[in-house]
């Protein structure tokens, strides 16, 4: 693996999942793999699980992890080619990224969409410029459109739960359900989960959302899509709850209907489904307390598995660099 930006960088999803679960059972088995290697974790927006889990994963592999909050501690970066830098930006990515490539063996980057200009956000300019100019492998800690480490974690969590609770090997049904929120959120997690589920291909995958909340077809193609949440939830084995803003009329909130919040009553339509969310979650807005605090919730397990997803990815990159 030369980089990790999307599911397209993964040759075999199940093999990567198995590697992650192997690390979960033996976290320090490759503690010398990253010896004398340094990883840079660069954040252009806040993080809790992504930052800490990736740092722990790197240290489990023997790497030194250095965290830099670019938006708070660094110069304002310019990403546009040919820019006349007479405004607020101080340093061009063409100058900054190669220097960072000298300091680190792997660069991990977390960016965030503006939710104002769809073309700019979906061009993935920020992360692509780091890839172009840094000269070292780049790992996405969330980009303007995707969150691949989260999606890998989600499939790890589903696979782990299947092994524990569904040994009959019957095909499962997974539902991605839109949820209300108080403000517009990116489509990153939803896009990425759809992309990974479709690539994985080992579940019947359904997306349900209100009218006008369609995601980009490049990520959802292959999924069943419905605006009837009850119909989607019927016989589901896993329900992934997430809010996202509108894609077509970009970055808007049209519908904040509390009826879309998942409750125990709605969960009764499922096949005793387990419930997932990437966190942070707005309790009693996106998900009810009764769900989050119940045995149906996988959110804490899911968050814990972020370490093993990151460790598997970093291990693949380190092994590629050494081969």
Protein backbone atom coordinates (compact mmCIF):
# COMPACT_ATOMS: atom_id res chain seq x y z
CA UNK A 1 0.00 0.00 0.00
CA UNK A 2 1.58 3.28 -1.15
CA UNK A 3 -1.03 5.60 0.38
CA UNK A 4 -4.45 5.43 2.03
CA UNK A 5 -6.98 7.90 0.67
CA UNK A 6 -9.96 5.70 -0.20
CA UNK A 7 -11.04 2.09 -0.61
CA UNK A 8 -9.35 2.17 -4.02
CA UNK A 9 -5.98 1.95 -2.24
CA UNK A 10 -6.92 -1.44 -0.73
CA UNK A 11 -6.26 -4.66 -2.65
CA UNK A 12 -8.20 -6.99 -0.33
CA UNK A 13 -10.63 -5.52 2.23
CA UNK A 14 -11.12 -8.78 4.13
CA UNK A 15 -7.38 -9.34 4.42
CA UNK A 16 -6.94 -5.84 5.84
CA UNK A 17 -9.81 -6.42 8.28
CA UNK A 18 -8.25 -9.71 9.42
CA UNK A 19 -4.94 -7.96 9.93
CA UNK A 20 -6.61 -5.31 12.07
CA UNK A 21 -8.38 -7.90 14.24
CA UNK A 22 -5.10 -9.78 14.59
CA UNK A 23 -3.53 -6.59 15.94
CA UNK A 24 -6.46 -6.25 18.35
CA UNK A 25 -5.59 -9.63 19.84
CA UNK A 26 -1.86 -8.88 19.88
CA UNK A 27 -1.22 -5.11 19.66
CA UNK A 28 2.58 -5.22 19.99
CA UNK A 29 3.35 -8.13 17.68
CA UNK A 30 5.07 -5.77 15.20
CA UNK A 31 6.47 -3.27 17.68
CA UNK A 32 9.79 -3.17 15.81
CA UNK A 33 8.29 -2.64 12.35
CA UNK A 34 8.30 1.14 12.68
CA UNK A 35 11.50 1.46 14.71
CA UNK A 36 13.42 4.64 13.78
CA UNK A 37 10.45 5.81 11.70
CA UNK A 38 8.52 9.02 12.28
CA UNK A 39 4.89 9.81 11.48
CA UNK A 40 3.45 13.32 11.21
CA UNK A 41 -0.21 13.82 12.14
CA UNK A 42 -1.36 17.12 10.62
CA UNK A 43 -4.74 18.56 11.58
CA UNK A 44 -6.56 21.37 9.82
CA UNK A 45 -9.64 20.77 11.98
CA UNK A 46 -10.37 19.22 15.40
CA UNK A 47 -10.21 15.54 16.21
CA UNK A 48 -10.51 13.22 19.19
CA UNK A 49 -10.73 9.55 18.10
CA UNK A 50 -8.86 9.96 14.82
CA UNK A 51 -5.95 11.78 16.42
CA UNK A 52 -5.52 9.57 19.47
CA UNK A 53 -6.19 6.22 17.79
CA UNK A 54 -3.68 6.90 15.03
CA UNK A 55 -1.09 8.02 17.55
CA UNK A 56 -1.60 4.84 19.61
CA UNK A 57 -1.48 2.70 16.45
CA UNK A 58 1.82 4.28 15.37
CA UNK A 59 3.35 3.76 18.79
CA UNK A 60 2.22 0.12 18.80
CA UNK A 61 4.36 -0.28 15.68
CA UNK A 62 7.34 1.45 17.27
CA UNK A 63 6.96 4.74 15.40
CA UNK A 64 7.47 8.19 16.85
CA UNK A 65 4.28 10.21 16.33
CA UNK A 66 4.36 14.00 16.17
CA UNK A 67 1.10 15.96 16.11
CA UNK A 68 0.83 19.40 14.51
CA UNK A 69 -2.35 21.48 14.47
CA UNK A 70 -1.76 23.31 11.21
CA UNK A 71 -4.77 25.59 11.60
CA UNK A 72 -3.69 26.85 15.04
CA UNK A 73 0.10 26.44 15.23
CA UNK A 74 1.31 26.89 11.67
CA UNK A 75 1.33 29.43 8.88
CA UNK A 76 -1.78 29.88 6.77
CA UNK A 77 -1.18 27.63 3.76
CA UNK A 78 -1.86 28.40 0.13
CA UNK A 79 -2.93 25.42 -2.02
CA UNK A 80 -3.80 26.97 -5.39
CA UNK A 81 -1.28 26.62 -8.19
CA UNK A 82 0.01 29.93 -9.53
CA UNK A 83 -1.46 31.90 -6.63
CA UNK A 84 -0.37 35.51 -6.13
CA UNK A 85 0.12 35.41 -2.39
CA UNK A 86 -0.82 38.96 -1.51
CA UNK A 87 -3.61 37.95 0.86
CA UNK A 88 -3.79 36.06 4.16
CA UNK A 89 -1.85 32.95 3.16
CA UNK A 90 1.81 32.93 4.19
CA UNK A 91 3.32 29.69 2.85
CA UNK A 92 2.59 27.68 -0.28
CA UNK A 93 2.04 23.95 -0.07
CA UNK A 94 4.76 23.56 -2.75
CA UNK A 95 7.24 24.82 -0.17
CA UNK A 96 5.75 23.33 3.01
CA UNK A 97 4.95 19.77 1.88
CA UNK A 98 8.45 18.83 0.62
CA UNK A 99 9.93 20.01 3.92
CA UNK A 100 7.44 17.89 5.86
CA UNK A 101 8.42 14.99 3.61
CA UNK A 102 11.99 15.40 4.84
CA UNK A 103 10.88 15.28 8.48
CA UNK A 104 8.50 12.32 8.31
CA UNK A 105 8.30 8.83 6.80
CA UNK A 106 4.49 8.96 6.63
CA UNK A 107 2.22 12.01 6.64
CA UNK A 108 -1.33 11.78 7.95
CA UNK A 109 -3.67 14.64 7.12
CA UNK A 110 -7.10 15.69 8.35
CA UNK A 111 -8.89 18.37 6.36
CA UNK A 112 -12.48 19.57 6.30
CA UNK A 113 -14.85 20.77 3.57
CA UNK A 114 -16.02 24.37 3.41
CA UNK A 115 -19.58 23.22 2.60
CA UNK A 116 -19.79 26.37 0.47
CA UNK A 117 -18.32 25.35 -2.90
CA UNK A 118 -18.98 21.77 -3.97
CA UNK A 119 -16.52 21.84 -6.86
CA UNK A 120 -13.69 23.01 -4.61
CA UNK A 121 -14.46 20.50 -1.86
CA UNK A 122 -14.93 17.55 -4.20
CA UNK A 123 -11.70 18.33 -6.05
CA UNK A 124 -9.85 17.27 -2.84
CA UNK A 125 -7.27 19.96 -3.54
CA UNK A 126 -5.73 19.97 -0.05
CA UNK A 127 -4.93 16.29 0.27
CA UNK A 128 -3.98 15.95 -3.39
CA UNK A 129 -1.43 18.75 -3.06
CA UNK A 130 0.16 17.00 -0.08
CA UNK A 131 0.35 13.79 -2.12
CA UNK A 132 1.83 15.66 -5.06
CA UNK A 133 4.54 17.57 -3.20
CA UNK A 134 5.45 15.73 0.03
CA UNK A 135 7.27 12.78 -1.55
CA UNK A 136 6.14 10.36 1.21
CA UNK A 137 3.04 8.17 1.72
CA UNK A 138 -0.05 10.14 2.75
CA UNK A 139 -2.85 8.75 4.93
CA UNK A 140 -6.23 10.45 5.03
CA UNK A 141 -7.46 11.14 8.55
CA UNK A 142 -10.59 12.54 6.84
CA UNK A 143 -10.70 14.61 3.70
CA UNK A 144 -13.31 16.93 2.22
CA UNK A 145 -15.30 14.00 0.83
CA UNK A 146 -14.16 10.75 2.51
CA UNK A 147 -13.17 9.24 5.84
CA UNK A 148 -11.52 5.92 4.91
CA UNK A 149 -10.09 5.01 8.33
CA UNK A 150 -13.58 5.32 9.79
CA UNK A 151 -15.06 3.14 7.07
CA UNK A 152 -12.40 0.48 7.49
CA UNK A 153 -13.18 0.55 11.20
CA UNK A 154 -16.87 0.13 10.46
CA UNK A 155 -16.30 -3.03 8.42
CA UNK A 156 -13.91 -4.33 11.10
CA UNK A 157 -16.65 -3.79 13.70
CA UNK A 158 -19.33 -5.49 11.61
CA UNK A 159 -17.02 -8.42 10.82
CA UNK A 160 -16.06 -8.84 14.46
CA UNK A 161 -19.70 -8.81 15.56
CA UNK A 162 -20.72 -11.28 12.86
CA UNK A 163 -18.10 -13.71 14.11
CA UNK A 164 -19.48 -13.41 17.64
CA UNK A 165 -23.23 -13.28 17.11
CA UNK A 166 -24.03 -14.54 13.59
CA UNK A 167 -22.10 -17.79 13.06
CA UNK A 168 -24.64 -19.12 10.53
CA UNK A 169 -22.93 -17.20 7.68
CA UNK A 170 -26.26 -15.90 6.36
CA UNK A 171 -26.03 -12.78 4.23
CA UNK A 172 -26.56 -9.67 6.33
CA UNK A 173 -28.43 -6.44 5.72
CA UNK A 174 -26.75 -3.13 6.55
CA UNK A 175 -28.61 0.18 6.56
CA UNK A 176 -27.14 3.66 6.49
CA UNK A 177 -29.79 5.96 7.92
CA UNK A 178 -29.74 9.76 7.81
CA UNK A 179 -30.38 11.45 11.16
CA UNK A 180 -31.33 14.99 12.21
CA UNK A 181 -28.70 17.48 13.35
CA UNK A 182 -28.61 21.10 14.45
CA UNK A 183 -26.20 22.22 11.72
CA UNK A 184 -24.99 21.19 8.25
CA UNK A 185 -22.40 18.40 8.36
CA UNK A 186 -20.16 17.06 5.57
CA UNK A 187 -21.02 14.02 3.50
CA UNK A 188 -17.58 12.48 4.23
CA UNK A 189 -18.57 9.63 6.56
CA UNK A 190 -21.68 8.73 4.58
CA UNK A 191 -19.84 8.87 1.23
CA UNK A 192 -17.04 6.75 2.57
CA UNK A 193 -19.24 4.16 4.25
CA UNK A 194 -21.24 3.77 1.04
CA UNK A 195 -18.07 3.44 -1.02
CA UNK A 196 -16.61 0.79 1.27
CA UNK A 197 -19.84 -1.20 1.67
CA UNK A 198 -20.31 -1.36 -2.09
CA UNK A 199 -16.69 -2.40 -2.61
CA UNK A 200 -16.89 -4.99 0.19
CA UNK A 201 -19.97 -6.57 -1.36
CA UNK A 202 -20.71 -8.94 1.51
CA UNK A 203 -23.98 -7.38 2.67
CA UNK A 204 -27.26 -6.16 1.25
CA UNK A 205 -26.71 -2.43 1.58
CA UNK A 206 -29.52 0.12 1.88
CA UNK A 207 -29.32 3.90 2.27
CA UNK A 208 -32.32 5.79 3.63
CA UNK A 209 -32.71 9.56 3.87
CA UNK A 210 -35.33 12.30 3.45
CA UNK A 211 -36.02 13.89 0.09
CA UNK A 212 -33.17 16.09 -1.23
CA UNK A 213 -30.43 14.32 0.75
CA UNK A 214 -29.10 12.18 -2.08
CA UNK A 215 -25.35 11.54 -1.95
CA UNK A 216 -23.02 11.60 -4.95
CA UNK A 217 -23.73 8.60 -7.17
CA UNK A 218 -20.01 7.86 -7.52
CA UNK A 219 -20.13 6.64 -3.91
CA UNK A 220 -23.63 5.15 -3.66
CA UNK A 221 -23.88 3.25 -6.94
CA UNK A 222 -24.76 -0.34 -6.10
CA UNK A 223 -26.77 0.46 -2.98
CA UNK A 224 -30.55 0.35 -2.63
CA UNK A 225 -31.76 3.87 -1.82
CA UNK A 226 -35.13 4.72 -0.28
CA UNK A 227 -36.80 7.65 1.46
CA UNK A 228 -38.93 5.27 3.52
CA UNK A 229 -36.96 4.69 6.73
CA UNK A 230 -39.31 2.04 8.09
CA UNK A 231 -39.03 0.06 4.87
CA UNK A 232 -35.24 0.32 4.98
CA UNK A 233 -35.04 -0.82 8.59
CA UNK A 234 -37.10 -3.95 8.06
CA UNK A 235 -34.98 -7.05 8.84
CA UNK A 236 -31.76 -5.02 9.09
CA UNK A 237 -28.85 -6.59 10.98
CA UNK A 238 -26.83 -3.36 11.36
CA UNK A 239 -27.98 0.24 11.29
CA UNK A 240 -25.39 2.97 10.80
CA UNK A 241 -26.78 6.34 11.87
CA UNK A 242 -25.26 9.54 10.48
CA UNK A 243 -26.29 13.04 9.53
CA UNK A 244 -25.13 14.74 6.33
CA UNK A 245 -26.05 17.97 4.58
CA UNK A 246 -27.43 18.23 1.06
CA UNK A 247 -25.20 17.42 -1.89
CA UNK A 248 -27.07 18.75 -4.93
CA UNK A 249 -27.88 22.17 -3.44
CA UNK A 250 -24.64 21.95 -1.56
CA UNK A 251 -24.22 22.11 2.21
CA UNK A 252 -27.79 22.89 3.23
CA UNK A 253 -30.19 21.65 5.91
CA UNK A 254 -33.70 21.27 4.47
CA UNK A 255 -35.18 18.73 6.82
CA UNK A 256 -34.54 18.40 10.53
CA UNK A 257 -37.52 16.20 11.27
CA UNK A 258 -37.02 14.52 14.68
CA UNK A 259 -39.02 11.55 13.37
CA UNK A 260 -35.82 10.43 11.62
CA UNK A 261 -34.06 9.87 14.96
CA UNK A 262 -33.59 6.17 15.62
CA UNK A 263 -35.54 4.87 18.63
CA UNK A 264 -36.24 1.51 20.23
CA UNK A 265 -39.63 1.50 18.54
CA UNK A 266 -38.03 1.82 15.11
CA UNK A 267 -35.38 -0.70 16.00
CA UNK A 268 -38.14 -3.25 16.58
CA UNK A 269 -38.57 -3.37 12.81
CA UNK A 270 -35.08 -4.82 12.42
CA UNK A 271 -33.56 -8.24 12.93
CA UNK A 272 -32.38 -7.28 16.43
CA UNK A 273 -29.99 -4.93 14.69
CA UNK A 274 -26.84 -3.52 16.21
CA UNK A 275 -26.52 0.26 15.96
CA UNK A 276 -23.42 2.15 14.85
CA UNK A 277 -22.33 5.79 14.81
CA UNK A 278 -18.90 7.31 14.17
CA UNK A 279 -19.08 9.76 17.12
CA UNK A 280 -19.34 12.45 18.32
CA UNK A 281 -23.11 12.06 18.53
CA UNK A 282 -25.79 14.56 19.53
CA UNK A 283 -27.78 12.53 22.03
CA UNK A 284 -31.54 12.67 21.62
CA UNK A 285 -31.11 14.49 18.31
CA UNK A 286 -29.33 11.92 16.11
CA UNK A 287 -29.76 8.93 18.42
CA UNK A 288 -31.85 8.42 21.52
CA UNK A 289 -30.36 7.69 24.93
CA UNK A 290 -32.32 4.45 24.99
CA UNK A 291 -30.42 3.24 21.93
CA UNK A 292 -26.97 4.56 22.81
CA UNK A 293 -27.10 3.11 26.33
CA UNK A 294 -28.52 -0.24 25.27
CA UNK A 295 -26.92 -3.55 24.37
CA UNK A 296 -27.80 -2.80 20.75
CA UNK A 297 -25.17 -0.07 20.58
CA UNK A 298 -21.77 -0.83 19.07
CA UNK A 299 -20.53 2.76 19.16
CA UNK A 300 -17.92 2.28 21.91
CA UNK A 301 -16.58 -0.92 20.35
CA UNK A 302 -16.56 0.84 17.00
CA UNK A 303 -14.56 3.77 18.40
CA UNK A 304 -12.11 1.40 20.08
CA UNK A 305 -11.51 -0.36 16.78
CA UNK A 306 -10.16 2.87 15.29
CA UNK A 307 -6.74 1.90 16.71
CA UNK A 308 -6.64 -1.42 14.89
CA UNK A 309 -7.78 0.05 11.58
CA UNK A 310 -5.02 2.64 11.71
CA UNK A 311 -2.45 0.06 12.82
CA UNK A 312 -3.30 -2.26 9.91
CA UNK A 313 -3.01 0.59 7.39
CA UNK A 314 0.27 1.92 8.78
CA UNK A 315 1.68 -1.60 8.85
CA UNK A 316 0.80 -2.11 5.18
CA UNK A 317 2.51 1.15 4.24
CA UNK A 318 5.62 0.39 6.30
CA UNK A 319 5.92 -3.06 4.74
CA UNK A 320 5.55 -1.56 1.25
CA UNK A 321 8.26 1.03 1.94
CA UNK A 322 10.64 -1.70 3.15
CA UNK A 323 10.04 -4.10 0.27
